[in-house]
All heavy atoms as atom14 arrays in JSON, in Angstrom:
{
  "sequence": "MVIGGHKGYYPAGLSNLLRPENMYVFEMDSNFQPLIDSWVEV",
  "atom14_mask": [
    [1, 1, 1, 1, 1, 1, 1, 1, 0, 0, 0, 0, 0, 0],
    [1, 1, 1, 1, 1, 1, 1, 0, 0, 0, 0, 0, 0, 0],
    [1, 1, 1, 1, 1, 1, 1, 1, 0, 0, 0, 0, 0, 0],
    [1, 1, 1, 1, 0, 0, 0, 0, 0, 0, 0, 0, 0, 0],
    [1, 1, 1, 1, 0, 0, 0, 0, 0, 0, 0, 0, 0, 0],
    [1, 1, 1, 1, 1, 1, 1, 1, 1, 1, 0, 0, 0, 0],
    [1, 1, 1, 1, 1, 1, 1, 1, 1, 0, 0, 0, 0, 0],
    [1, 1, 1, 1, 0, 0, 0, 0, 0, 0, 0, 0, 0, 0],
    [1, 1, 1, 1, 1, 1, 1, 1, 1, 1, 1, 1, 0, 0],
    [1, 1, 1, 1, 1, 1, 1, 1, 1, 1, 1, 1, 0, 0],
    [1, 1, 1, 1, 1, 1, 1, 0, 0, 0, 0, 0, 0, 0],
    [1, 1, 1, 1, 1, 0, 0, 0, 0, 0, 0, 0, 0, 0],
    [1, 1, 1, 1, 0, 0, 0, 0, 0, 0, 0, 0, 0, 0],
    [1, 1, 1, 1, 1, 1, 1, 1, 0, 0, 0, 0, 0, 0],
    [1, 1, 1, 1, 1, 1, 0, 0, 0, 0, 0, 0, 0, 0],
    [1, 1, 1, 1, 1, 1, 1, 1, 0, 0, 0, 0, 0, 0],
    [1, 1, 1, 1, 1, 1, 1, 1, 0, 0, 0, 0, 0, 0],
    [1, 1, 1, 1, 1, 1, 1, 1, 0, 0, 0, 0, 0, 0],
    [1, 1, 1, 1, 1, 1, 1, 1, 1, 1, 1, 0, 0, 0],
    [1, 1, 1, 1, 1, 1, 1, 0, 0, 0, 0, 0, 0, 0],
    [1, 1, 1, 1, 1, 1, 1, 1, 1, 0, 0, 0, 0, 0],
    [1, 1, 1, 1, 1, 1, 1, 1, 0, 0, 0, 0, 0, 0],
    [1, 1, 1, 1, 1, 1, 1, 1, 0, 0, 0, 0, 0, 0],
    [1, 1, 1, 1, 1, 1, 1, 1, 1, 1, 1, 1, 0, 0],
    [1, 1, 1, 1, 1, 1, 1, 0, 0, 0, 0, 0, 0, 0],
    [1, 1, 1, 1, 1, 1, 1, 1, 1, 1, 1, 0, 0, 0],
    [1, 1, 1, 1, 1, 1, 1, 1, 1, 0, 0, 0, 0, 0],
    [1, 1, 1, 1, 1, 1, 1, 1, 0, 0, 0, 0, 0, 0],
    [1, 1, 1, 1, 1, 1, 1, 1, 0, 0, 0, 0, 0, 0],
    [1, 1, 1, 1, 1, 1, 0, 0, 0, 0, 0, 0, 0, 0],
    [1, 1, 1, 1, 1, 1, 1, 1, 0, 0, 0, 0, 0, 0],
    [1, 1, 1, 1, 1, 1, 1, 1, 1, 1, 1, 0, 0, 0],
    [1, 1, 1, 1, 1, 1, 1, 1, 1, 0, 0, 0, 0, 0],
    [1, 1, 1, 1, 1, 1, 1, 0, 0, 0, 0, 0, 0, 0],
    [1, 1, 1, 1, 1, 1, 1, 1, 0, 0, 0, 0, 0, 0],
    [1, 1, 1, 1, 1, 1, 1, 1, 0, 0, 0, 0, 0, 0],
    [1, 1, 1, 1, 1, 1, 1, 1, 0, 0, 0, 0, 0, 0],
    [1, 1, 1, 1, 1, 1, 0, 0, 0, 0, 0, 0, 0, 0],
    [1, 1, 1, 1, 1, 1, 1, 1, 1, 1, 1, 1, 1, 1],
    [1, 1, 1, 1, 1, 1, 1, 0, 0, 0, 0, 0, 0, 0],
    [1, 1, 1, 1, 1, 1, 1, 1, 1, 0, 0, 0, 0, 0],
    [1, 1, 1, 1, 1, 1, 1, 0, 0, 0, 0, 0, 0, 0]
  ],
  "atom14_positions": [
    [[114.06, 76.18, 29.18], [115.02, 75.09, 28.94], [114.63, 74.38, 27.65], [113.46, 74.04, 27.46], [115.03, 74.09, 30.1], [116.0, 72.92, 29.89], [115.89, 71.64, 31.21], [116.62, 72.53, 32.58], [0.0, 0.0, 0.0], [0.0, 0.0, 0.0], [0.0, 0.0, 0.0], [0.0, 0.0, 0.0], [0.0, 0.0, 0.0], [0.0, 0.0, 0.0]],
    [[115.59, 74.19, 26.77], [115.39, 73.42, 25.53], [116.33, 72.22, 25.59], [117.55, 72.38, 25.68], [115.68, 74.27, 24.28], [115.56, 73.4, 23.02], [114.74, 75.46, 24.19], [0.0, 0.0, 0.0], [0.0, 0.0, 0.0], [0.0, 0.0, 0.0], [0.0, 0.0, 0.0], [0.0, 0.0, 0.0], [0.0, 0.0, 0.0], [0.0, 0.0, 0.0]],
    [[115.76, 71.03, 25.54], [116.57, 69.81, 25.49], [116.44, 69.24, 24.09], [115.38, 68.8, 23.67], [116.1, 68.78, 26.55], [116.17, 69.39, 27.95], [116.97, 67.53, 26.46], [115.76, 68.43, 29.06], [0.0, 0.0, 0.0], [0.0, 0.0, 0.0], [0.0, 0.0, 0.0], [0.0, 0.0, 0.0], [0.0, 0.0, 0.0], [0.0, 0.0, 0.0]],
    [[117.55, 69.3, 23.37], [117.58, 68.96, 21.95], [117.67, 70.25, 21.15], [116.75, 70.59, 20.39], [0.0, 0.0, 0.0], [0.0, 0.0, 0.0], [0.0, 0.0, 0.0], [0.0, 0.0, 0.0], [0.0, 0.0, 0.0], [0.0, 0.0, 0.0], [0.0, 0.0, 0.0], [0.0, 0.0, 0.0], [0.0, 0.0, 0.0], [0.0, 0.0, 0.0]],
    [[118.77, 70.98, 21.32], [118.91, 72.29, 20.68], [119.1, 72.23, 19.18], [118.77, 73.17, 18.47], [0.0, 0.0, 0.0], [0.0, 0.0, 0.0], [0.0, 0.0, 0.0], [0.0, 0.0, 0.0], [0.0, 0.0, 0.0], [0.0, 0.0, 0.0], [0.0, 0.0, 0.0], [0.0, 0.0, 0.0], [0.0, 0.0, 0.0], [0.0, 0.0, 0.0]],
    [[119.62, 71.1, 18.69], [119.83, 70.87, 17.25], [120.53, 72.07, 16.6], [121.61, 72.47, 17.03], [118.51, 70.52, 16.57], [117.83, 69.35, 17.22], [118.34, 68.09, 17.21], [116.67, 69.27, 17.93], [117.56, 67.26, 17.87], [116.53, 67.96, 18.33], [0.0, 0.0, 0.0], [0.0, 0.0, 0.0], [0.0, 0.0, 0.0], [0.0, 0.0, 0.0]],
    [[119.9, 72.7, 15.61], [120.55, 73.81, 14.9], [120.15, 75.17, 15.48], [120.48, 76.22, 14.9], [120.21, 73.77, 13.42], [120.73, 72.51, 12.72], [120.29, 72.47, 11.26], [120.75, 71.17, 10.61], [120.3, 71.07, 9.19], [0.0, 0.0, 0.0], [0.0, 0.0, 0.0], [0.0, 0.0, 0.0], [0.0, 0.0, 0.0], [0.0, 0.0, 0.0]],
    [[119.44, 75.17, 16.59], [119.18, 76.43, 17.29], [117.92, 77.16, 16.91], [117.69, 78.28, 17.38], [0.0, 0.0, 0.0], [0.0, 0.0, 0.0], [0.0, 0.0, 0.0], [0.0, 0.0, 0.0], [0.0, 0.0, 0.0], [0.0, 0.0, 0.0], [0.0, 0.0, 0.0], [0.0, 0.0, 0.0], [0.0, 0.0, 0.0], [0.0, 0.0, 0.0]],
    [[117.07, 76.56, 16.07], [115.86, 77.24, 15.6], [114.94, 77.62, 16.76], [114.49, 78.77, 16.87], [115.14, 76.32, 14.6], [113.84, 76.87, 14.04], [113.83, 77.8, 13.01], [112.61, 76.43, 14.53], [112.64, 78.29, 12.48], [111.41, 76.9, 14.0], [111.43, 77.83, 12.98], [110.25, 78.3, 12.47], [0.0, 0.0, 0.0], [0.0, 0.0, 0.0]],
    [[114.66, 76.66, 17.63], [113.75, 76.95, 18.74], [114.37, 77.79, 19.85], [113.71, 78.7, 20.37], [113.14, 75.66, 19.28], [111.98, 75.18, 18.44], [111.96, 73.9, 17.9], [110.89, 76.01, 18.18], [110.89, 73.47, 17.12], [109.83, 75.59, 17.4], [109.82, 74.32, 16.88], [108.77, 73.91, 16.11], [0.0, 0.0, 0.0], [0.0, 0.0, 0.0]],
    [[115.6, 77.54, 20.27], [116.19, 78.45, 21.26], [116.19, 79.91, 20.79], [115.85, 80.82, 21.56], [117.62, 77.91, 21.43], [117.5, 76.46, 21.12], [116.48, 76.37, 20.02], [0.0, 0.0, 0.0], [0.0, 0.0, 0.0], [0.0, 0.0, 0.0], [0.0, 0.0, 0.0], [0.0, 0.0, 0.0], [0.0, 0.0, 0.0], [0.0, 0.0, 0.0]],
    [[116.53, 80.12, 19.52], [116.56, 81.48, 19.0], [115.16, 82.06, 18.88], [114.9, 83.2, 19.27], [117.26, 81.51, 17.64], [0.0, 0.0, 0.0], [0.0, 0.0, 0.0], [0.0, 0.0, 0.0], [0.0, 0.0, 0.0], [0.0, 0.0, 0.0], [0.0, 0.0, 0.0], [0.0, 0.0, 0.0], [0.0, 0.0, 0.0], [0.0, 0.0, 0.0]],
    [[114.24, 81.26, 18.34], [112.88, 81.74, 18.15], [112.21, 82.1, 19.46], [111.57, 83.15, 19.59], [0.0, 0.0, 0.0], [0.0, 0.0, 0.0], [0.0, 0.0, 0.0], [0.0, 0.0, 0.0], [0.0, 0.0, 0.0], [0.0, 0.0, 0.0], [0.0, 0.0, 0.0], [0.0, 0.0, 0.0], [0.0, 0.0, 0.0], [0.0, 0.0, 0.0]],
    [[112.35, 81.23, 20.46], [111.74, 81.48, 21.75], [112.41, 82.64, 22.49], [111.76, 83.41, 23.19], [111.78, 80.21, 22.61], [110.9, 79.06, 22.11], [111.21, 77.77, 22.87], [109.42, 79.42, 22.25], [0.0, 0.0, 0.0], [0.0, 0.0, 0.0], [0.0, 0.0, 0.0], [0.0, 0.0, 0.0], [0.0, 0.0, 0.0], [0.0, 0.0, 0.0]],
    [[113.73, 82.77, 22.31], [114.44, 83.89, 22.92], [113.97, 85.21, 22.33], [113.76, 86.2, 23.04], [115.95, 83.75, 22.72], [116.48, 82.7, 23.49], [0.0, 0.0, 0.0], [0.0, 0.0, 0.0], [0.0, 0.0, 0.0], [0.0, 0.0, 0.0], [0.0, 0.0, 0.0], [0.0, 0.0, 0.0], [0.0, 0.0, 0.0], [0.0, 0.0, 0.0]],
    [[113.8, 85.22, 21.02], [113.38, 86.45, 20.34], [111.93, 86.8, 20.66], [111.59, 87.98, 20.81], [113.54, 86.27, 18.83], [113.5, 87.58, 18.08], [114.23, 88.51, 18.38], [112.62, 87.68, 17.1], [0.0, 0.0, 0.0], [0.0, 0.0, 0.0], [0.0, 0.0, 0.0], [0.0, 0.0, 0.0], [0.0, 0.0, 0.0], [0.0, 0.0, 0.0]],
    [[111.09, 85.79, 20.8], [109.67, 86.01, 21.06], [109.39, 86.4, 22.51], [108.64, 87.34, 22.77], [108.88, 84.73, 20.72], [107.37, 84.77, 20.97], [106.69, 85.76, 20.02], [106.77, 83.37, 20.81], [0.0, 0.0, 0.0], [0.0, 0.0, 0.0], [0.0, 0.0, 0.0], [0.0, 0.0, 0.0], [0.0, 0.0, 0.0], [0.0, 0.0, 0.0]],
    [[110.01, 85.7, 23.45], [109.66, 85.84, 24.86], [110.67, 86.65, 25.67], [110.37, 87.05, 26.8], [109.49, 84.45, 25.48], [108.39, 83.59, 24.82], [108.44, 82.17, 25.38], [107.02, 84.21, 25.03], [0.0, 0.0, 0.0], [0.0, 0.0, 0.0], [0.0, 0.0, 0.0], [0.0, 0.0, 0.0], [0.0, 0.0, 0.0], [0.0, 0.0, 0.0]],
    [[111.88, 86.85, 25.13], [112.93, 87.59, 25.81], [113.11, 87.13, 27.26], [113.0, 87.91, 28.21], [112.62, 89.1, 25.76], [112.62, 89.66, 24.34], [114.02, 89.7, 23.76], [114.01, 89.87, 22.31], [115.11, 90.24, 21.61], [116.24, 90.47, 22.22], [115.03, 90.35, 20.3], [0.0, 0.0, 0.0], [0.0, 0.0, 0.0], [0.0, 0.0, 0.0]],
    [[113.39, 85.84, 27.46], [113.56, 85.32, 28.82], [114.84, 85.84, 29.45], [115.76, 86.28, 28.76], [113.64, 83.81, 28.62], [114.23, 83.67, 27.25], [113.63, 84.8, 26.44], [0.0, 0.0, 0.0], [0.0, 0.0, 0.0], [0.0, 0.0, 0.0], [0.0, 0.0, 0.0], [0.0, 0.0, 0.0], [0.0, 0.0, 0.0], [0.0, 0.0, 0.0]],
    [[114.88, 85.76, 30.76], [116.11, 86.13, 31.47], [117.19, 85.06, 31.29], [118.38, 85.37, 31.26], [115.81, 86.33, 32.95], [114.89, 87.52, 33.23], [114.55, 87.64, 34.71], [115.04, 86.8, 35.51], [113.79, 88.56, 35.06], [0.0, 0.0, 0.0], [0.0, 0.0, 0.0], [0.0, 0.0, 0.0], [0.0, 0.0, 0.0], [0.0, 0.0, 0.0]],
    [[116.75, 83.8, 31.18], [117.7, 82.7, 31.02], [117.18, 81.7, 29.99], [116.02, 81.32, 30.01], [117.89, 81.96, 32.35], [118.55, 82.82, 33.41], [119.73, 83.14, 33.32], [117.78, 83.21, 34.41], [0.0, 0.0, 0.0], [0.0, 0.0, 0.0], [0.0, 0.0, 0.0], [0.0, 0.0, 0.0], [0.0, 0.0, 0.0], [0.0, 0.0, 0.0]],
    [[118.07, 81.31, 29.09], [117.79, 80.26, 28.12], [118.83, 79.15, 28.33], [120.03, 79.37, 28.11], [117.86, 80.79, 26.69], [117.82, 79.72, 25.61], [116.28, 78.78, 25.52], [115.17, 80.01, 24.82], [0.0, 0.0, 0.0], [0.0, 0.0, 0.0], [0.0, 0.0, 0.0], [0.0, 0.0, 0.0], [0.0, 0.0, 0.0], [0.0, 0.0, 0.0]],
    [[118.38, 77.99, 28.76], [119.26, 76.85, 28.99], [119.07, 75.87, 27.83], [117.95, 75.42, 27.56], [118.91, 76.15, 30.3], [118.94, 77.06, 31.51], [117.77, 77.64, 32.0], [120.14, 77.35, 32.17], [117.78, 78.47, 33.11], [120.17, 78.19, 33.28], [118.98, 78.75, 33.75], [119.01, 79.58, 34.85], [0.0, 0.0, 0.0], [0.0, 0.0, 0.0]],
    [[120.17, 75.55, 27.15], [120.09, 74.7, 25.95], [120.98, 73.48, 26.12], [122.19, 73.6, 26.36], [120.5, 75.46, 24.68], [120.32, 74.58, 23.45], [119.7, 76.75, 24.53], [0.0, 0.0, 0.0], [0.0, 0.0, 0.0], [0.0, 0.0, 0.0], [0.0, 0.0, 0.0], [0.0, 0.0, 0.0], [0.0, 0.0, 0.0], [0.0, 0.0, 0.0]],
    [[120.37, 72.29, 25.99], [121.11, 71.03, 26.02], [121.18, 70.45, 24.61], [120.17, 70.39, 23.91], [120.4, 70.02, 26.93], [120.48, 70.34, 28.4], [119.61, 71.25, 28.97], [121.45, 69.73, 29.2], [119.67, 71.55, 30.32], [121.51, 70.02, 30.55], [120.63, 70.93, 31.12], [0.0, 0.0, 0.0], [0.0, 0.0, 0.0], [0.0, 0.0, 0.0]],
    [[122.38, 70.02, 24.21], [122.55, 69.36, 22.91], [123.75, 68.41, 23.01], [124.87, 68.85, 23.28], [122.76, 70.38, 21.8], [123.07, 69.77, 20.44], [122.08, 68.69, 20.03], [120.87, 68.98, 19.98], [122.51, 67.55, 19.8], [0.0, 0.0, 0.0], [0.0, 0.0, 0.0], [0.0, 0.0, 0.0], [0.0, 0.0, 0.0], [0.0, 0.0, 0.0]],
    [[123.48, 67.13, 22.8], [124.53, 66.12, 22.94], [125.59, 66.19, 21.84], [126.75, 65.91, 22.08], [123.89, 64.72, 22.94], [123.06, 64.41, 24.16], [122.33, 62.74, 24.09], [123.81, 61.73, 24.03], [0.0, 0.0, 0.0], [0.0, 0.0, 0.0], [0.0, 0.0, 0.0], [0.0, 0.0, 0.0], [0.0, 0.0, 0.0], [0.0, 0.0, 0.0]],
    [[125.17, 66.55, 20.63], [126.09, 66.57, 19.49], [126.84, 67.9, 19.46], [126.27, 68.95, 19.15], [125.3, 66.37, 18.2], [126.2, 66.15, 17.0], [127.38, 66.53, 17.05], [125.71, 65.6, 15.99], [0.0, 0.0, 0.0], [0.0, 0.0, 0.0], [0.0, 0.0, 0.0], [0.0, 0.0, 0.0], [0.0, 0.0, 0.0], [0.0, 0.0, 0.0]],
    [[128.12, 67.87, 19.78], [128.92, 69.1, 19.84], [129.03, 69.8, 18.5], [129.32, 71.0, 18.44], [130.32, 68.79, 20.38], [131.0, 67.87, 19.54], [0.0, 0.0, 0.0], [0.0, 0.0, 0.0], [0.0, 0.0, 0.0], [0.0, 0.0, 0.0], [0.0, 0.0, 0.0], [0.0, 0.0, 0.0], [0.0, 0.0, 0.0], [0.0, 0.0, 0.0]],
    [[128.78, 69.08, 17.39], [128.85, 69.7, 16.07], [127.76, 70.75, 15.87], [127.89, 71.63, 15.02], [128.71, 68.62, 14.98], [129.89, 67.69, 14.94], [131.04, 68.11, 15.08], [129.63, 66.4, 14.77], [0.0, 0.0, 0.0], [0.0, 0.0, 0.0], [0.0, 0.0, 0.0], [0.0, 0.0, 0.0], [0.0, 0.0, 0.0], [0.0, 0.0, 0.0]],
    [[126.68, 70.65, 16.65], [125.59, 71.6, 16.53], [125.84, 72.89, 17.33], [125.14, 73.89, 17.11], [124.28, 70.99, 17.0], [123.66, 70.01, 16.04], [123.27, 68.75, 16.46], [123.49, 70.35, 14.71], [122.7, 67.85, 15.57], [122.92, 69.46, 13.81], [122.53, 68.2, 14.24], [0.0, 0.0, 0.0], [0.0, 0.0, 0.0], [0.0, 0.0, 0.0]],
    [[126.81, 72.87, 18.24], [127.0, 74.01, 19.13], [127.27, 75.33, 18.39], [126.67, 76.36, 18.71], [128.12, 73.74, 20.13], [128.13, 74.68, 21.32], [126.84, 74.6, 22.12], [126.46, 73.54, 22.59], [126.15, 75.72, 22.26], [0.0, 0.0, 0.0], [0.0, 0.0, 0.0], [0.0, 0.0, 0.0], [0.0, 0.0, 0.0], [0.0, 0.0, 0.0]],
    [[128.16, 75.35, 17.38], [128.36, 76.6, 16.64], [127.1, 77.1, 15.95], [126.88, 78.31, 15.83], [129.45, 76.24, 15.61], [130.13, 75.04, 16.17], [129.06, 74.28, 16.9], [0.0, 0.0, 0.0], [0.0, 0.0, 0.0], [0.0, 0.0, 0.0], [0.0, 0.0, 0.0], [0.0, 0.0, 0.0], [0.0, 0.0, 0.0], [0.0, 0.0, 0.0]],
    [[126.24, 76.17, 15.5], [125.0, 76.56, 14.84], [124.03, 77.17, 15.86], [123.37, 78.18, 15.58], [124.36, 75.35, 14.16], [125.24, 74.6, 13.15], [124.45, 73.45, 12.52], [125.76, 75.55, 12.07], [0.0, 0.0, 0.0], [0.0, 0.0, 0.0], [0.0, 0.0, 0.0], [0.0, 0.0, 0.0], [0.0, 0.0, 0.0], [0.0, 0.0, 0.0]],
    [[123.94, 76.57, 17.03], [123.08, 77.09, 18.09], [123.51, 78.5, 18.48], [122.69, 79.42, 18.6], [123.11, 76.16, 19.32], [122.47, 74.81, 18.98], [122.4, 76.8, 20.5], [122.67, 73.75, 20.05], [0.0, 0.0, 0.0], [0.0, 0.0, 0.0], [0.0, 0.0, 0.0], [0.0, 0.0, 0.0], [0.0, 0.0, 0.0], [0.0, 0.0, 0.0]],
    [[124.8, 78.68, 18.66], [125.32, 79.99, 19.09], [125.24, 81.06, 18.01], [125.23, 82.25, 18.31], [126.79, 79.84, 19.54], [126.94, 79.03, 20.81], [125.96, 78.95, 21.58], [128.02, 78.46, 21.03], [0.0, 0.0, 0.0], [0.0, 0.0, 0.0], [0.0, 0.0, 0.0], [0.0, 0.0, 0.0], [0.0, 0.0, 0.0], [0.0, 0.0, 0.0]],
    [[125.19, 80.63, 16.74], [125.26, 81.59, 15.63], [124.08, 82.55, 15.59], [124.17, 83.64, 15.01], [125.37, 80.84, 14.29], [124.16, 80.15, 14.0], [0.0, 0.0, 0.0], [0.0, 0.0, 0.0], [0.0, 0.0, 0.0], [0.0, 0.0, 0.0], [0.0, 0.0, 0.0], [0.0, 0.0, 0.0], [0.0, 0.0, 0.0], [0.0, 0.0, 0.0]],
    [[122.96, 82.19, 16.19], [121.77, 83.05, 16.17], [121.9, 84.25, 17.12], [121.2, 85.25, 16.94], [120.54, 82.24, 16.59], [120.15, 81.11, 15.72], [120.66, 79.83, 15.76], [119.15, 81.1, 14.69], [120.03, 79.04, 14.83], [119.1, 79.79, 14.16], [118.28, 82.07, 14.2], [118.22, 79.43, 13.15], [117.4, 81.71, 13.18], [117.38, 80.41, 12.66]],
    [[122.73, 84.13, 18.12], [122.72, 85.08, 19.24], [123.12, 86.48, 18.81], [122.37, 87.45, 19.0], [123.6, 84.57, 20.39], [123.72, 85.63, 21.48], [123.04, 83.28, 20.96], [0.0, 0.0, 0.0], [0.0, 0.0, 0.0], [0.0, 0.0, 0.0], [0.0, 0.0, 0.0], [0.0, 0.0, 0.0], [0.0, 0.0, 0.0], [0.0, 0.0, 0.0]],
    [[124.31, 86.62, 18.25], [124.83, 87.96, 17.95], [124.03, 88.67, 16.87], [123.69, 89.85, 17.01], [126.29, 87.87, 17.52], [126.93, 89.23, 17.29], [128.41, 89.15, 16.99], [128.98, 88.04, 17.04], [129.02, 90.21, 16.68], [0.0, 0.0, 0.0], [0.0, 0.0, 0.0], [0.0, 0.0, 0.0], [0.0, 0.0, 0.0], [0.0, 0.0, 0.0]],
    [[123.66, 87.96, 15.79], [122.97, 88.62, 14.67], [121.56, 89.06, 15.05], [120.97, 89.92, 14.39], [122.91, 87.71, 13.42], [124.3, 87.47, 12.88], [122.19, 86.4, 13.72], [0.0, 0.0, 0.0], [0.0, 0.0, 0.0], [0.0, 0.0, 0.0], [0.0, 0.0, 0.0], [0.0, 0.0, 0.0], [0.0, 0.0, 0.0], [0.0, 0.0, 0.0]]
  ]
}
């Protein structure tokens, strides 16, 4: 779980490093959501 996803650096980094089954990301500012998601597909 990441609380404070911001631009997605840590959710992406930890997902790539640890390959968890579930990554839960909280971010209050909806403007950051496209940035957080942008790491996934590439």
